[in-house]
Amino acid sequence: MLKRREAREKALFYLYQSDLLDIDVDELIKMDLKNKKNIDQFTLKLVKGVKNNFENLNEIINLHSSNWQIDRMSILDRNMLRIALYEIMFEQEIPLKVTINEAIEISKKYGTNESGKFVNGILGKVVEEMKIDKKEKI
């Protein structure tokens, strides 16, 4: 079992690869399972959650990212936002601050110098405009 951060990073890698290569994420997972790679359950939950809520997540991102449509964002940033928004919306046991902090730190680690600030800014707008607090989820 991976630590939650590692599971989030793996989910980001799957979604990034799917987005970059225009391959369904389920196919990527099947290839890894066929090659005997273990896939953490939390990673699968995040990847499937993003896939199953893809349009809704994109709509939320577009609504809260002034002057930045999702197709103009870096592949890493938009997928990290999708993961974080999925967690905010559907993973009730994960504190809001943890989700946002993890998204920022992972973005800083793998993205550009501006990725952490960008992800923080959009997630902050979503939380503020949708009036989400620690106890309340979307």
Protein backbone atom coordinates (compact mmCIF):
# COMPACT_ATOMS: atom_id res chain seq x y z
CA MET A 1 0.00 0.00 0.00
CA LEU A 2 1.38 3.36 -1.04
CA LYS A 3 1.35 6.46 1.07
CA ARG A 4 -1.42 8.82 0.00
CA ARG A 5 1.00 11.27 -1.63
CA GLU A 6 2.61 8.49 -3.67
CA ALA A 7 -0.85 7.26 -4.70
CA ARG A 8 -1.78 10.79 -5.80
CA GLU A 9 1.46 11.04 -7.79
CA LYS A 10 0.73 7.71 -9.50
CA ALA A 11 -2.79 8.89 -10.32
CA LEU A 12 -1.29 12.07 -11.79
CA PHE A 13 1.11 10.00 -13.92
CA TYR A 14 -1.76 7.90 -15.30
CA LEU A 15 -3.92 10.91 -16.09
CA TYR A 16 -0.98 12.84 -17.53
CA GLN A 17 -0.04 9.94 -19.82
CA SER A 18 -3.67 9.45 -20.87
CA ASP A 19 -4.02 13.15 -21.68
CA LEU A 20 -0.68 13.41 -23.48
CA LEU A 21 -1.07 10.27 -25.59
CA ASP A 22 -4.86 10.47 -25.99
CA ILE A 23 -5.26 6.93 -24.64
CA ASP A 24 -8.10 5.94 -22.35
CA VAL A 25 -6.75 5.70 -18.81
CA ASP A 26 -8.39 2.28 -18.42
CA GLU A 27 -6.17 0.98 -21.22
CA LEU A 28 -3.06 2.24 -19.43
CA ILE A 29 -4.16 0.51 -16.24
CA LYS A 30 -4.90 -2.72 -18.10
CA MET A 31 -1.41 -2.61 -19.67
CA ASP A 32 0.20 -2.22 -16.25
CA LEU A 33 -1.88 -5.01 -14.73
CA LYS A 34 -1.01 -7.25 -17.70
CA ASN A 35 2.66 -6.50 -17.00
CA LYS A 36 2.15 -7.54 -13.37
CA LYS A 37 2.46 -4.03 -11.97
CA ASN A 38 0.64 -3.48 -8.70
CA ILE A 39 -1.70 -0.53 -8.62
CA ASP A 40 -2.66 0.98 -5.29
CA GLN A 41 -6.40 1.09 -4.52
CA PHE A 42 -6.35 4.80 -3.68
CA THR A 43 -4.61 5.50 -7.00
CA LEU A 44 -7.34 3.54 -8.80
CA LYS A 45 -10.05 5.36 -6.86
CA LEU A 46 -8.63 8.75 -7.88
CA VAL A 47 -8.12 7.80 -11.54
CA LYS A 48 -11.59 6.25 -11.87
CA GLY A 49 -13.15 9.14 -9.98
CA VAL A 50 -11.60 11.70 -12.30
CA LYS A 51 -12.59 9.67 -15.36
CA ASN A 52 -16.19 9.22 -14.18
CA ASN A 53 -16.57 12.93 -13.34
CA PHE A 54 -14.38 14.32 -16.12
CA GLU A 55 -16.83 16.79 -17.70
CA ASN A 56 -18.07 18.11 -14.37
CA LEU A 57 -14.50 18.61 -13.09
CA ASN A 58 -13.51 20.41 -16.30
CA GLU A 59 -16.56 22.65 -16.03
CA ILE A 60 -15.67 23.61 -12.45
CA ILE A 61 -12.06 24.34 -13.47
CA ASN A 62 -13.18 26.47 -16.42
CA LEU A 63 -15.67 28.41 -14.28
CA HIS A 64 -13.02 29.28 -11.70
CA SER A 65 -9.99 29.94 -13.89
CA SER A 66 -10.38 33.40 -15.34
CA ASN A 67 -8.54 33.83 -18.64
CA TRP A 68 -7.41 30.18 -18.60
CA GLN A 69 -9.50 27.60 -20.40
CA ILE A 70 -8.59 24.06 -19.46
CA ASP A 71 -7.14 23.22 -22.88
CA ARG A 72 -4.62 26.08 -22.49
CA MET A 73 -3.34 24.82 -19.13
CA SER A 74 -0.35 22.55 -18.84
CA ILE A 75 -1.23 18.86 -18.86
CA LEU A 76 0.18 18.47 -15.37
CA ASP A 77 -1.70 21.43 -13.89
CA ARG A 78 -5.09 20.49 -15.30
CA ASN A 79 -4.77 16.88 -14.17
CA MET A 80 -3.63 17.88 -10.68
CA LEU A 81 -6.65 20.18 -10.48
CA ARG A 82 -8.94 17.35 -11.57
CA ILE A 83 -7.55 15.05 -8.88
CA ALA A 84 -7.84 17.69 -6.15
CA LEU A 85 -11.37 18.63 -7.16
CA TYR A 86 -12.41 14.99 -7.23
CA GLU A 87 -11.06 14.64 -3.67
CA ILE A 88 -12.82 17.81 -2.54
CA MET A 89 -16.12 16.66 -4.02
CA PHE A 90 -16.14 12.95 -3.23
CA GLU A 91 -13.56 11.94 -0.63
CA GLN A 92 -15.36 13.03 2.53
CA GLU A 93 -12.76 11.65 4.96
CA ILE A 94 -9.89 13.72 3.55
CA PRO A 95 -9.62 17.19 5.12
CA LEU A 96 -9.86 20.06 2.66
CA LYS A 97 -6.53 21.55 3.75
CA VAL A 98 -4.78 18.22 3.17
CA THR A 99 -6.18 17.93 -0.35
CA ILE A 100 -5.17 21.47 -1.28
CA ASN A 101 -1.71 21.19 0.29
CA GLU A 102 -1.02 17.88 -1.46
CA ALA A 103 -2.10 19.32 -4.82
CA ILE A 104 0.20 22.32 -4.37
CA GLU A 105 3.20 20.26 -3.26
CA ILE A 106 2.85 17.69 -6.05
CA SER A 107 2.43 20.49 -8.60
CA LYS A 108 5.59 22.17 -7.33
CA LYS A 109 7.48 18.88 -7.52
CA TYR A 110 6.52 17.95 -11.08
CA GLY A 111 5.34 21.17 -12.71
CA THR A 112 6.83 24.50 -13.60
CA ASN A 113 7.93 27.19 -11.17
CA GLU A 114 4.41 28.62 -11.38
CA SER A 115 2.42 25.37 -11.07
CA GLY A 116 2.03 25.42 -7.29
CA LYS A 117 0.78 29.02 -7.29
CA PHE A 118 -1.53 28.34 -10.24
CA VAL A 119 -3.11 25.25 -8.66
CA ASN A 120 -3.41 27.02 -5.29
CA GLY A 121 -5.07 30.01 -6.93
CA ILE A 122 -7.71 28.01 -8.74
CA LEU A 123 -8.45 25.69 -5.82
CA GLY A 124 -8.67 28.73 -3.53
CA LYS A 125 -11.21 30.33 -5.88
CA VAL A 126 -13.27 27.14 -6.04
CA VAL A 127 -13.34 26.81 -2.25
CA GLU A 128 -14.15 30.51 -1.76
CA GLU A 129 -16.77 30.85 -4.50
CA MET A 130 -18.48 27.56 -3.70
CA LYS A 131 -18.28 28.30 0.03
CA ILE A 132 -16.65 25.00 0.92
CA ASP A 133 -15.33 24.61 4.44
CA LYS A 134 -13.48 21.84 6.29
CA LYS A 135 -16.63 19.97 7.23
CA GLU A 136 -18.71 20.66 4.15
CA LYS A 137 -18.03 19.14 0.76
CA ILE A 138 -19.61 20.00 -2.59
